[in-house]
Every structure is written in C-alpha cells, then in structure tokens.
Amino acid sequence: MTAEGKTLDGSCQCGKVGYRVTGEPDYMAHCHCIDCRKMHGAAFATYVGVPRSGFTWVSGEDQLTTFKVESGTIRGFCRTCGSILASWTEGEPGNIYITAGTLDSPIAKRPENHIWVRSRAPWFEIRDGLPQKEKY
C-alpha cells in the first residue's frame, strides 16, 4: 500500500512489458465495440479505468507498440507476445484504460456495466444483470 492507496501491477503474457497503477481504479466495464471485439478476438474486452497520473510503465516500455483505430482509440501492446495492455484517447488525456486480464495483482473493483452494446456480437447474450449502455 502507498499513501495514495493500493498498488496494482500488471504485465503482458511473455513478461517483457510491465506496468504499475498507484491508487484506486475509477471505473471497470465490459466493452462490446467492434474495435475491442476485433482486437481481443472475443465477445468483449474488460477495461479498468485509472488516472494517467497513477499509471507507470515499469519495464519494457521499449517493447510497447501502439495501434490507433479509426475511432481514435490507441492501444498499447507488447511487440513480442501481442498482449494488449492498455488503451487511451487523445480526448481523455487524464485517463488510461488497462486490460483487466493483464493484472497480476488482485483487484476488488468489479465491472459496473456493459458499454457499446449496440455493437455486441449477435451470438453473445448478456445475462449478468449489469446495466447496458448503447454507447460509452
């Protein structure tokens, strides 16, 4: 623990890229947008929103590659194993969204909702009772 709150660590599959979050996460959601579905190869991606000021790359930043999708979202991923570690937008410079699956530390935060459900995979039915938002 730090004075600012909990410290969370995360890394890619091969371990070359690592990050640390200091403080409590602001937000957690399942995103069903077409970009997340394509990038993750899954029905949705789960992201944890944290203040950019509490986020640090602790190892392998030189192994990080980015890809900017048409919507403007930038995704950072390991150039060796391909793990998507975080995403951000120029329109929200104070926030970064880490992929929940890359966390190495346990997290108490739970998903609050499903976003971009208007783009959800037609073969996936949302049944968890969380609120569903058409957009973000």
Protein backbone atom coordinates (compact mmCIF):
# COMPACT_ATOMS: atom_id res chain seq x y z
CA MET A 1 0.00 0.00 0.00
CA THR A 2 1.06 3.55 -0.63
CA ALA A 3 -0.17 6.86 0.73
CA GLU A 4 -2.33 7.22 -2.38
CA GLY A 5 -3.95 3.81 -1.96
CA LYS A 6 -3.46 0.36 -3.38
CA THR A 7 -0.73 -0.50 -5.87
CA LEU A 8 -1.67 -2.80 -8.74
CA ASP A 9 0.85 -4.46 -11.04
CA GLY A 10 0.27 -5.95 -14.46
CA SER A 11 2.23 -7.44 -17.33
CA CYS A 12 2.00 -9.00 -20.74
CA GLN A 13 1.97 -12.74 -21.43
CA CYS A 14 5.72 -13.02 -22.02
CA GLY A 15 6.61 -10.71 -19.13
CA LYS A 16 8.66 -8.23 -21.15
CA VAL A 17 6.29 -5.28 -20.52
CA GLY A 18 5.08 -4.39 -17.05
CA TYR A 19 3.07 -1.55 -15.54
CA ARG A 20 2.06 -0.27 -12.12
CA VAL A 21 -1.05 1.59 -11.02
CA THR A 22 -0.95 3.58 -7.79
CA GLY A 23 -4.33 4.43 -6.33
CA GLU A 24 -7.78 3.01 -6.68
CA PRO A 25 -9.28 2.32 -10.13
CA ASP A 26 -12.04 4.72 -11.19
CA TYR A 27 -14.05 2.51 -13.46
CA MET A 28 -14.42 -1.02 -14.81
CA ALA A 29 -16.57 -2.07 -17.76
CA HIS A 30 -17.04 -4.70 -20.43
CA CYS A 31 -16.71 -3.06 -23.86
CA HIS A 32 -18.55 -4.60 -26.80
CA CYS A 33 -17.44 -2.13 -29.52
CA ILE A 34 -16.29 -3.62 -32.80
CA ASP A 35 -12.72 -2.41 -32.21
CA CYS A 36 -12.44 -4.23 -28.87
CA ARG A 37 -14.01 -7.37 -30.30
CA LYS A 38 -11.61 -7.43 -33.24
CA MET A 39 -8.51 -6.51 -31.21
CA HIS A 40 -9.19 -9.08 -28.46
CA GLY A 41 -10.77 -11.79 -30.60
CA ALA A 42 -13.58 -12.11 -28.06
CA ALA A 43 -17.19 -11.08 -27.45
CA PHE A 44 -15.99 -8.13 -25.35
CA ALA A 45 -12.96 -6.69 -23.56
CA THR A 46 -12.87 -5.74 -19.89
CA TYR A 47 -11.10 -2.50 -19.08
CA VAL A 48 -10.18 -0.81 -15.80
CA GLY A 49 -10.04 2.98 -15.93
CA VAL A 50 -7.32 4.64 -13.88
CA PRO A 51 -5.95 8.18 -13.71
CA ARG A 52 -2.98 8.62 -16.03
CA SER A 53 -1.13 10.28 -13.14
CA GLY A 54 -1.15 6.96 -11.23
CA PHE A 55 -0.02 4.81 -14.16
CA THR A 56 3.61 3.94 -14.94
CA TRP A 57 5.32 1.56 -17.34
CA VAL A 58 7.82 -0.21 -15.06
CA SER A 59 9.53 -2.45 -17.60
CA GLY A 60 9.76 -3.00 -21.32
CA GLU A 61 8.30 0.29 -22.49
CA ASP A 62 10.67 -0.03 -25.46
CA GLN A 63 8.85 -3.30 -26.30
CA LEU A 64 5.49 -1.50 -26.48
CA THR A 65 3.86 -0.92 -29.84
CA THR A 66 0.73 1.13 -30.40
CA PHE A 67 -2.10 0.92 -32.87
CA LYS A 68 -4.64 3.70 -33.39
CA VAL A 69 -8.06 2.62 -34.62
CA GLU A 70 -10.35 4.77 -36.75
CA SER A 71 -12.33 5.90 -33.68
CA GLY A 72 -9.15 7.45 -32.25
CA THR A 73 -8.51 4.90 -29.50
CA ILE A 74 -4.85 3.99 -29.16
CA ARG A 75 -3.97 0.53 -27.90
CA GLY A 76 -0.59 -0.36 -26.43
CA PHE A 77 0.55 -3.94 -26.84
CA CYS A 78 3.70 -6.00 -26.42
CA ARG A 79 5.55 -6.38 -29.72
CA THR A 80 6.74 -9.87 -28.69
CA CYS A 81 3.62 -11.65 -27.44
CA GLY A 82 0.88 -9.29 -28.68
CA SER A 83 -0.83 -8.79 -25.30
CA ILE A 84 -2.95 -5.63 -25.30
CA LEU A 85 -2.07 -3.89 -22.05
CA ALA A 86 -3.81 -0.53 -22.17
CA SER A 87 -5.75 1.90 -24.30
CA TRP A 88 -6.21 5.65 -24.26
CA THR A 89 -7.55 8.51 -26.35
CA GLU A 90 -6.27 11.99 -27.04
CA GLY A 91 -9.70 13.29 -25.93
CA GLU A 92 -9.18 11.92 -22.40
CA PRO A 93 -5.54 12.76 -21.60
CA GLY A 94 -6.07 12.25 -17.86
CA ASN A 95 -7.23 8.62 -18.16
CA ILE A 96 -5.83 5.30 -19.27
CA TYR A 97 -7.73 2.02 -19.51
CA ILE A 98 -5.82 -1.13 -18.62
CA THR A 99 -6.99 -4.53 -19.78
CA ALA A 100 -8.26 -6.34 -16.69
CA GLY A 101 -6.85 -9.67 -17.87
CA THR A 102 -3.28 -8.35 -17.70
CA LEU A 103 -3.44 -7.51 -13.99
CA ASP A 104 -1.11 -9.62 -11.86
CA SER A 105 -2.45 -8.14 -8.61
CA PRO A 106 -5.91 -8.96 -7.25
CA ILE A 107 -8.47 -6.21 -7.73
CA ALA A 108 -11.55 -5.51 -5.62
CA LYS A 109 -13.22 -3.40 -8.32
CA ARG A 110 -15.91 -5.18 -10.33
CA PRO A 111 -17.43 -4.34 -13.72
CA GLU A 112 -20.07 -1.63 -13.48
CA ASN A 113 -21.72 -2.06 -16.85
CA HIS A 114 -21.51 -3.14 -20.47
CA ILE A 115 -20.73 -0.38 -22.96
CA TRP A 116 -21.22 -0.13 -26.71
CA VAL A 117 -23.79 -2.93 -26.60
CA ARG A 118 -25.27 -1.71 -29.89
CA SER A 119 -22.15 -3.31 -31.43
CA ARG A 120 -22.21 -6.52 -29.41
CA ALA A 121 -21.63 -9.85 -31.09
CA PRO A 122 -25.04 -11.20 -32.15
CA TRP A 123 -24.12 -14.66 -30.86
CA PHE A 124 -23.41 -13.39 -27.31
CA GLU A 125 -26.26 -12.86 -24.85
CA ILE A 126 -25.58 -10.60 -21.86
CA ARG A 127 -27.13 -12.21 -18.79
CA ASP A 128 -25.23 -10.86 -15.78
CA GLY A 129 -27.77 -8.16 -14.89
CA LEU A 130 -25.30 -5.27 -15.21
CA PRO A 131 -26.58 -2.09 -16.87
CA GLN A 132 -26.17 -1.99 -20.64
CA LYS A 133 -25.27 1.23 -22.45
CA GLU A 134 -25.73 1.63 -26.19
CA LYS A 135 -22.58 3.79 -26.28
CA TYR A 136 -19.88 4.80 -23.77
